[in-house]
Amino acid sequence: MLPALGNLHRVVDTPRAREFAALAPSLRWVQSHRWDDAGEQRALCVLSNAFELPGLEAGIMYVDQGCTYPVHNHPPQELYLTISGSGRWRHGGAEDLVEVEPENTLYNHPSDVHTVEAGDTPLVAMYVLWGEGLRN
């Protein structure tokens, strides 16, 4: 398991978060091509690597407390469902970061610049990408 996941015991703020925390150790976690920290601060579970999901990339993003997922953009549109942890998100074409609580959805149009900063607990969100430019 990647080092960032050492704080899974802090993923408890919603019923879904507690279910996720119980399941998370059994999932296959990887680091993203967007950073080179050997899984110290962030981890991905790419569900579309385990399941055939034609036209979709889906997974779970884990950002450890106080850490940031790098600013980036990509051609496919993207939907997030926040599972646990509050964070400051830049999404949907906005310039500023806004506070988002667990169990909310966020949408990024194709090529929207976006990022997230986790607060004082780990941030967990499901993501789905689809549309032009998808790599699968």
N, C-alpha and C. Protein backbone atom coordinates (compact mmCIF):
# COMPACT_ATOMS: atom_id res chain seq x y z
N MET A 1 0.85 -1.18 0.00
CA MET A 1 0.00 0.00 0.00
C MET A 1 0.90 1.25 0.00
N LEU A 2 0.48 2.27 -0.72
CA LEU A 2 1.26 3.50 -0.81
C LEU A 2 1.28 4.24 0.53
N PRO A 3 2.38 4.92 0.85
CA PRO A 3 2.51 5.60 2.15
C PRO A 3 1.39 6.59 2.47
N ALA A 4 0.88 7.29 1.47
CA ALA A 4 -0.18 8.28 1.71
C ALA A 4 -1.39 7.66 2.39
N LEU A 5 -1.62 6.38 2.14
CA LEU A 5 -2.81 5.73 2.68
C LEU A 5 -2.67 5.39 4.17
N GLY A 6 -1.58 5.79 4.78
CA GLY A 6 -1.40 5.57 6.21
C GLY A 6 -2.40 6.32 7.07
N ASN A 7 -3.08 7.30 6.50
CA ASN A 7 -4.08 8.07 7.25
C ASN A 7 -5.51 7.63 6.95
N LEU A 8 -5.69 6.44 6.40
CA LEU A 8 -7.05 5.95 6.12
C LEU A 8 -7.94 5.95 7.36
N HIS A 9 -7.35 5.75 8.52
CA HIS A 9 -8.14 5.74 9.76
C HIS A 9 -8.82 7.08 10.03
N ARG A 10 -8.41 8.15 9.31
CA ARG A 10 -9.03 9.47 9.48
C ARG A 10 -10.16 9.71 8.49
N VAL A 11 -10.44 8.73 7.63
CA VAL A 11 -11.52 8.84 6.64
C VAL A 11 -12.79 8.29 7.30
N VAL A 12 -13.48 9.13 8.06
CA VAL A 12 -14.62 8.66 8.86
C VAL A 12 -15.78 9.65 8.91
N ASP A 13 -15.75 10.72 8.11
CA ASP A 13 -16.71 11.81 8.31
C ASP A 13 -18.10 11.56 7.74
N THR A 14 -18.31 10.50 6.97
CA THR A 14 -19.64 10.16 6.47
C THR A 14 -19.78 8.63 6.46
N PRO A 15 -21.00 8.10 6.43
CA PRO A 15 -21.15 6.65 6.33
C PRO A 15 -20.43 6.06 5.11
N ARG A 16 -20.52 6.73 3.95
CA ARG A 16 -19.81 6.24 2.76
C ARG A 16 -18.30 6.23 2.98
N ALA A 17 -17.81 7.24 3.69
CA ALA A 17 -16.37 7.32 3.96
C ALA A 17 -15.92 6.14 4.81
N ARG A 18 -16.70 5.78 5.81
CA ARG A 18 -16.33 4.65 6.67
C ARG A 18 -16.36 3.35 5.88
N GLU A 19 -17.34 3.18 5.00
CA GLU A 19 -17.38 1.99 4.13
C GLU A 19 -16.17 1.96 3.22
N PHE A 20 -15.82 3.10 2.64
CA PHE A 20 -14.65 3.19 1.78
C PHE A 20 -13.39 2.82 2.55
N ALA A 21 -13.20 3.37 3.75
CA ALA A 21 -11.99 3.12 4.54
C ALA A 21 -11.83 1.63 4.84
N ALA A 22 -12.94 0.93 5.05
CA ALA A 22 -12.86 -0.51 5.31
C ALA A 22 -12.45 -1.28 4.05
N LEU A 23 -12.89 -0.81 2.89
CA LEU A 23 -12.61 -1.47 1.61
C LEU A 23 -11.25 -1.10 1.03
N ALA A 24 -10.78 0.11 1.28
CA ALA A 24 -9.59 0.67 0.62
C ALA A 24 -8.34 -0.21 0.67
N PRO A 25 -8.01 -0.85 1.79
CA PRO A 25 -6.79 -1.65 1.80
C PRO A 25 -6.79 -2.81 0.80
N SER A 26 -7.96 -3.25 0.38
CA SER A 26 -8.03 -4.37 -0.56
C SER A 26 -7.95 -3.92 -2.03
N LEU A 27 -7.95 -2.62 -2.27
CA LEU A 27 -7.90 -2.10 -3.64
C LEU A 27 -6.45 -1.94 -4.11
N ARG A 28 -6.27 -1.90 -5.43
CA ARG A 28 -4.94 -1.69 -6.01
C ARG A 28 -4.72 -0.19 -6.21
N TRP A 29 -3.78 0.38 -5.48
CA TRP A 29 -3.48 1.81 -5.52
C TRP A 29 -2.20 2.05 -6.30
N VAL A 30 -2.18 3.14 -7.07
CA VAL A 30 -1.01 3.51 -7.86
C VAL A 30 -0.78 5.01 -7.71
N GLN A 31 0.42 5.45 -8.08
CA GLN A 31 0.64 6.89 -8.15
C GLN A 31 0.32 7.35 -9.56
N SER A 32 -0.09 8.58 -9.70
CA SER A 32 -0.46 9.14 -10.99
C SER A 32 0.78 9.58 -11.76
N HIS A 33 0.65 9.63 -13.07
CA HIS A 33 1.72 10.16 -13.91
C HIS A 33 1.89 11.67 -13.70
N ARG A 34 0.97 12.30 -12.97
CA ARG A 34 1.03 13.75 -12.76
C ARG A 34 2.01 14.16 -11.65
N TRP A 35 2.54 13.23 -10.90
CA TRP A 35 3.49 13.58 -9.84
C TRP A 35 4.49 12.45 -9.66
N ASP A 36 5.56 12.75 -8.96
CA ASP A 36 6.61 11.77 -8.72
C ASP A 36 6.98 11.81 -7.24
N ASP A 37 6.03 11.39 -6.39
CA ASP A 37 6.30 11.40 -4.95
C ASP A 37 6.25 10.00 -4.34
N ALA A 38 6.26 8.97 -5.20
CA ALA A 38 6.24 7.57 -4.76
C ALA A 38 5.06 7.28 -3.84
N GLY A 39 3.94 7.97 -4.06
CA GLY A 39 2.75 7.71 -3.27
C GLY A 39 2.80 8.27 -1.87
N GLU A 40 3.67 9.23 -1.62
CA GLU A 40 3.79 9.82 -0.28
C GLU A 40 2.58 10.68 0.09
N GLN A 41 1.98 11.38 -0.88
CA GLN A 41 0.92 12.33 -0.59
C GLN A 41 -0.41 12.02 -1.28
N ARG A 42 -0.36 11.30 -2.38
CA ARG A 42 -1.56 11.07 -3.18
C ARG A 42 -1.54 9.66 -3.73
N ALA A 43 -2.74 9.13 -4.02
CA ALA A 43 -2.85 7.80 -4.61
C ALA A 43 -4.11 7.73 -5.46
N LEU A 44 -4.07 6.87 -6.45
CA LEU A 44 -5.23 6.62 -7.31
C LEU A 44 -5.54 5.13 -7.32
N CYS A 45 -6.81 4.81 -7.34
CA CYS A 45 -7.29 3.46 -7.61
C CYS A 45 -8.06 3.57 -8.92
N VAL A 46 -7.47 3.09 -10.00
CA VAL A 46 -8.08 3.24 -11.33
C VAL A 46 -8.99 2.04 -11.57
N LEU A 47 -10.28 2.22 -11.30
CA LEU A 47 -11.25 1.13 -11.42
C LEU A 47 -11.37 0.63 -12.85
N SER A 48 -11.17 1.52 -13.82
CA SER A 48 -11.30 1.09 -15.22
C SER A 48 -10.13 0.20 -15.64
N ASN A 49 -9.09 0.05 -14.81
CA ASN A 49 -8.05 -0.94 -15.08
C ASN A 49 -8.52 -2.34 -14.69
N ALA A 50 -9.46 -2.42 -13.77
CA ALA A 50 -9.95 -3.72 -13.29
C ALA A 50 -11.25 -4.14 -13.96
N PHE A 51 -11.99 -3.19 -14.47
CA PHE A 51 -13.28 -3.47 -15.09
C PHE A 51 -13.29 -2.92 -16.51
N GLU A 52 -13.96 -3.60 -17.40
CA GLU A 52 -14.08 -3.09 -18.76
C GLU A 52 -15.18 -2.03 -18.78
N LEU A 53 -14.77 -0.79 -19.00
CA LEU A 53 -15.69 0.35 -19.01
C LEU A 53 -15.49 1.11 -20.31
N PRO A 54 -16.02 0.61 -21.42
CA PRO A 54 -15.79 1.26 -22.71
C PRO A 54 -16.21 2.73 -22.70
N GLY A 55 -15.30 3.59 -23.14
CA GLY A 55 -15.61 5.01 -23.23
C GLY A 55 -15.51 5.78 -21.93
N LEU A 56 -15.08 5.11 -20.85
CA LEU A 56 -14.97 5.77 -19.54
C LEU A 56 -13.63 5.46 -18.90
N GLU A 57 -13.15 6.40 -18.11
CA GLU A 57 -12.10 6.11 -17.14
C GLU A 57 -12.68 6.47 -15.79
N ALA A 58 -12.63 5.55 -14.85
CA ALA A 58 -13.22 5.78 -13.55
C ALA A 58 -12.26 5.32 -12.47
N GLY A 59 -12.33 5.98 -11.33
CA GLY A 59 -11.46 5.59 -10.24
C GLY A 59 -11.73 6.37 -8.98
N ILE A 60 -10.82 6.23 -8.04
CA ILE A 60 -10.89 6.90 -6.75
C ILE A 60 -9.58 7.65 -6.54
N MET A 61 -9.70 8.90 -6.16
CA MET A 61 -8.54 9.74 -5.88
C MET A 61 -8.44 9.95 -4.37
N TYR A 62 -7.24 9.74 -3.83
CA TYR A 62 -6.97 9.96 -2.41
C TYR A 62 -5.87 11.02 -2.31
N VAL A 63 -6.15 12.11 -1.61
CA VAL A 63 -5.16 13.16 -1.38
C VAL A 63 -4.99 13.28 0.13
N ASP A 64 -3.79 13.04 0.63
CA ASP A 64 -3.56 13.05 2.07
C ASP A 64 -3.78 14.46 2.64
N GLN A 65 -4.07 14.51 3.92
CA GLN A 65 -4.35 15.77 4.60
C GLN A 65 -3.25 16.79 4.36
N GLY A 66 -3.67 18.02 4.06
CA GLY A 66 -2.74 19.11 3.85
C GLY A 66 -1.97 19.07 2.53
N CYS A 67 -2.30 18.14 1.66
CA CYS A 67 -1.59 17.99 0.38
C CYS A 67 -2.46 18.48 -0.77
N THR A 68 -1.84 18.65 -1.92
CA THR A 68 -2.51 19.19 -3.11
C THR A 68 -2.38 18.22 -4.27
N TYR A 69 -3.46 18.05 -5.04
CA TYR A 69 -3.38 17.34 -6.31
C TYR A 69 -2.96 18.39 -7.34
N PRO A 70 -1.96 18.11 -8.16
CA PRO A 70 -1.40 19.13 -9.05
C PRO A 70 -2.43 19.79 -9.98
N VAL A 71 -2.22 21.06 -10.25
CA VAL A 71 -3.03 21.79 -11.23
C VAL A 71 -2.81 21.12 -12.59
N HIS A 72 -3.91 20.84 -13.28
CA HIS A 72 -3.81 20.18 -14.58
C HIS A 72 -5.09 20.39 -15.38
N ASN A 73 -5.06 19.94 -16.61
CA ASN A 73 -6.27 19.88 -17.43
C ASN A 73 -6.11 18.74 -18.42
N HIS A 74 -7.20 18.37 -19.06
CA HIS A 74 -7.18 17.28 -20.04
C HIS A 74 -8.41 17.41 -20.93
N PRO A 75 -8.33 16.87 -22.14
CA PRO A 75 -9.47 16.98 -23.07
C PRO A 75 -10.77 16.33 -22.57
N PRO A 76 -10.74 15.14 -21.94
CA PRO A 76 -12.02 14.57 -21.52
C PRO A 76 -12.69 15.40 -20.42
N GLN A 77 -14.01 15.44 -20.44
CA GLN A 77 -14.73 16.06 -19.34
C GLN A 77 -14.65 15.14 -18.13
N GLU A 78 -14.93 15.68 -16.95
CA GLU A 78 -14.72 14.90 -15.73
C GLU A 78 -15.77 15.27 -14.68
N LEU A 79 -16.20 14.25 -13.95
CA LEU A 79 -17.14 14.42 -12.85
C LEU A 79 -16.50 13.83 -11.60
N TYR A 80 -16.57 14.56 -10.49
CA TYR A 80 -16.10 14.07 -9.19
C TYR A 80 -17.29 13.93 -8.25
N LEU A 81 -17.27 12.89 -7.42
CA LEU A 81 -18.18 12.75 -6.29
C LEU A 81 -17.29 12.69 -5.06
N THR A 82 -17.37 13.72 -4.22
CA THR A 82 -16.53 13.74 -3.03
C THR A 82 -17.10 12.77 -2.00
N ILE A 83 -16.25 11.92 -1.47
CA ILE A 83 -16.67 10.89 -0.52
C ILE A 83 -16.34 11.29 0.91
N SER A 84 -15.15 11.86 1.10
CA SER A 84 -14.71 12.17 2.46
C SER A 84 -13.75 13.35 2.43
N GLY A 85 -13.75 14.10 3.51
CA GLY A 85 -12.82 15.21 3.66
C GLY A 85 -13.29 16.45 2.93
N SER A 86 -13.11 17.58 3.56
CA SER A 86 -13.39 18.83 2.86
C SER A 86 -12.10 19.29 2.22
N GLY A 87 -12.26 20.07 1.18
CA GLY A 87 -11.08 20.56 0.48
C GLY A 87 -11.41 21.81 -0.29
N ARG A 88 -10.38 22.44 -0.79
CA ARG A 88 -10.54 23.62 -1.63
C ARG A 88 -10.29 23.17 -3.06
N TRP A 89 -11.32 23.32 -3.89
CA TRP A 89 -11.28 22.87 -5.28
C TRP A 89 -11.29 24.05 -6.24
N ARG A 90 -10.56 23.93 -7.31
CA ARG A 90 -10.71 24.79 -8.48
C ARG A 90 -11.30 23.87 -9.54
N HIS A 91 -12.47 24.24 -10.07
CA HIS A 91 -13.14 23.36 -11.02
C HIS A 91 -14.11 24.15 -11.88
N GLY A 92 -14.59 23.51 -12.94
CA GLY A 92 -15.65 24.08 -13.76
C GLY A 92 -15.30 25.37 -14.46
N GLY A 93 -14.04 25.61 -14.72
CA GLY A 93 -13.64 26.83 -15.42
C GLY A 93 -13.39 28.02 -14.50
N ALA A 94 -13.57 27.84 -13.19
CA ALA A 94 -13.35 28.94 -12.24
C ALA A 94 -11.86 29.21 -12.07
N GLU A 95 -11.56 30.42 -11.65
CA GLU A 95 -10.17 30.81 -11.38
C GLU A 95 -9.80 30.57 -9.92
N ASP A 96 -10.79 30.67 -9.02
CA ASP A 96 -10.53 30.61 -7.59
C ASP A 96 -10.82 29.23 -7.02
N LEU A 97 -10.20 28.95 -5.89
CA LEU A 97 -10.48 27.75 -5.13
C LEU A 97 -11.71 28.00 -4.25
N VAL A 98 -12.59 27.01 -4.14
CA VAL A 98 -13.77 27.11 -3.28
C VAL A 98 -13.82 25.89 -2.37
N GLU A 99 -14.31 26.10 -1.16
CA GLU A 99 -14.46 25.02 -0.18
C GLU A 99 -15.60 24.10 -0.61
N VAL A 100 -15.34 22.79 -0.61
CA VAL A 100 -16.36 21.80 -0.96
C VAL A 100 -16.37 20.74 0.12
N GLU A 101 -17.54 20.47 0.66
CA GLU A 101 -17.73 19.46 1.70
C GLU A 101 -17.94 18.08 1.07
N PRO A 102 -17.85 17.01 1.87
CA PRO A 102 -18.09 15.66 1.35
C PRO A 102 -19.51 15.51 0.79
N GLU A 103 -19.65 14.52 -0.09
CA GLU A 103 -20.92 14.14 -0.70
C GLU A 103 -21.48 15.23 -1.61
N ASN A 104 -20.58 15.88 -2.34
CA ASN A 104 -20.95 16.84 -3.37
C ASN A 104 -20.39 16.37 -4.70
N THR A 105 -20.95 16.89 -5.79
CA THR A 105 -20.42 16.59 -7.12
C THR A 105 -19.82 17.85 -7.72
N LEU A 106 -18.79 17.64 -8.53
CA LEU A 106 -18.12 18.74 -9.24
C LEU A 106 -17.92 18.30 -10.68
N TYR A 107 -18.05 19.24 -11.60
CA TYR A 107 -17.92 18.93 -13.03
C TYR A 107 -16.86 19.82 -13.66
N ASN A 108 -16.03 19.22 -14.49
CA ASN A 108 -15.05 19.95 -15.29
C ASN A 108 -15.36 19.74 -16.76
N HIS A 109 -15.52 20.85 -17.48
CA HIS A 109 -15.68 20.80 -18.93
C HIS A 109 -14.37 20.32 -19.56
N PRO A 110 -14.39 19.91 -20.81
CA PRO A 110 -13.14 19.56 -21.48
C PRO A 110 -12.11 20.69 -21.37
N SER A 111 -10.92 20.33 -20.97
CA SER A 111 -9.75 21.23 -20.85
C SER A 111 -9.85 22.29 -19.76
N ASP A 112 -10.84 22.21 -18.84
CA ASP A 112 -10.86 23.10 -17.68
C ASP A 112 -9.62 22.85 -16.82
N VAL A 113 -8.97 23.90 -16.38
CA VAL A 113 -7.87 23.78 -15.44
C VAL A 113 -8.48 23.50 -14.06
N HIS A 114 -7.95 22.49 -13.36
CA HIS A 114 -8.52 22.16 -12.05
C HIS A 114 -7.45 21.59 -11.11
N THR A 115 -7.78 21.63 -9.82
CA THR A 115 -6.90 21.14 -8.76
C THR A 115 -7.73 20.98 -7.49
N VAL A 116 -7.14 20.37 -6.47
CA VAL A 116 -7.77 20.30 -5.16
C VAL A 116 -6.68 20.32 -4.09
N GLU A 117 -6.99 20.99 -2.98
CA GLU A 117 -6.14 21.03 -1.80
C GLU A 117 -6.91 20.39 -0.66
N ALA A 118 -6.39 19.30 -0.11
CA ALA A 118 -7.06 18.65 1.02
C ALA A 118 -6.91 19.50 2.27
N GLY A 119 -7.91 19.42 3.13
CA GLY A 119 -7.88 20.15 4.39
C GLY A 119 -7.13 19.37 5.46
N ASP A 120 -7.67 19.36 6.69
CA ASP A 120 -6.96 18.73 7.80
C ASP A 120 -7.25 17.24 7.94
N THR A 121 -8.00 16.67 7.00
CA THR A 121 -8.19 15.23 6.91
C THR A 121 -7.99 14.82 5.46
N PRO A 122 -7.73 13.53 5.20
CA PRO A 122 -7.58 13.10 3.81
C PRO A 122 -8.84 13.39 3.00
N LEU A 123 -8.64 13.65 1.72
CA LEU A 123 -9.74 13.89 0.81
C LEU A 123 -9.86 12.70 -0.13
N VAL A 124 -11.06 12.17 -0.27
CA VAL A 124 -11.33 11.03 -1.14
C VAL A 124 -12.46 11.40 -2.08
N ALA A 125 -12.28 11.14 -3.36
CA ALA A 125 -13.32 11.43 -4.35
C ALA A 125 -13.30 10.38 -5.46
N MET A 126 -14.47 9.98 -5.89
CA MET A 126 -14.58 9.16 -7.10
C MET A 126 -14.52 10.10 -8.29
N TYR A 127 -13.96 9.62 -9.39
CA TYR A 127 -13.92 10.43 -10.61
C TYR A 127 -14.31 9.58 -11.81
N VAL A 128 -14.90 10.24 -12.79
CA VAL A 128 -15.23 9.61 -14.07
C VAL A 128 -14.86 10.59 -15.17
N LEU A 129 -14.10 10.13 -16.15
CA LEU A 129 -13.76 10.92 -17.33
C LEU A 129 -14.40 10.25 -18.54
N TRP A 130 -14.86 11.08 -19.49
CA TRP A 130 -15.41 10.54 -20.73
C TRP A 130 -15.30 11.60 -21.82
N GLY A 131 -15.40 11.14 -23.03
CA GLY A 131 -15.39 12.06 -24.16
C GLY A 131 -14.08 12.05 -24.92
N GLU A 132 -13.96 13.00 -25.82
CA GLU A 132 -12.82 13.09 -26.71
C GLU A 132 -11.51 13.20 -25.94
N GLY A 133 -10.50 12.47 -26.39
CA GLY A 133 -9.19 12.53 -25.77
C GLY A 133 -8.97 11.51 -24.67
N LEU A 134 -9.96 10.65 -24.41
CA LEU A 134 -9.82 9.63 -23.38
C LEU A 134 -8.79 8.60 -23.80
N ARG A 135 -7.91 8.20 -22.88
CA ARG A 135 -6.88 7.21 -23.18
C ARG A 135 -7.31 5.84 -22.69
N ASN A 136 -8.16 5.14 -23.43
CA ASN A 136 -8.44 3.74 -23.05
C ASN A 136 -8.80 2.92 -24.24
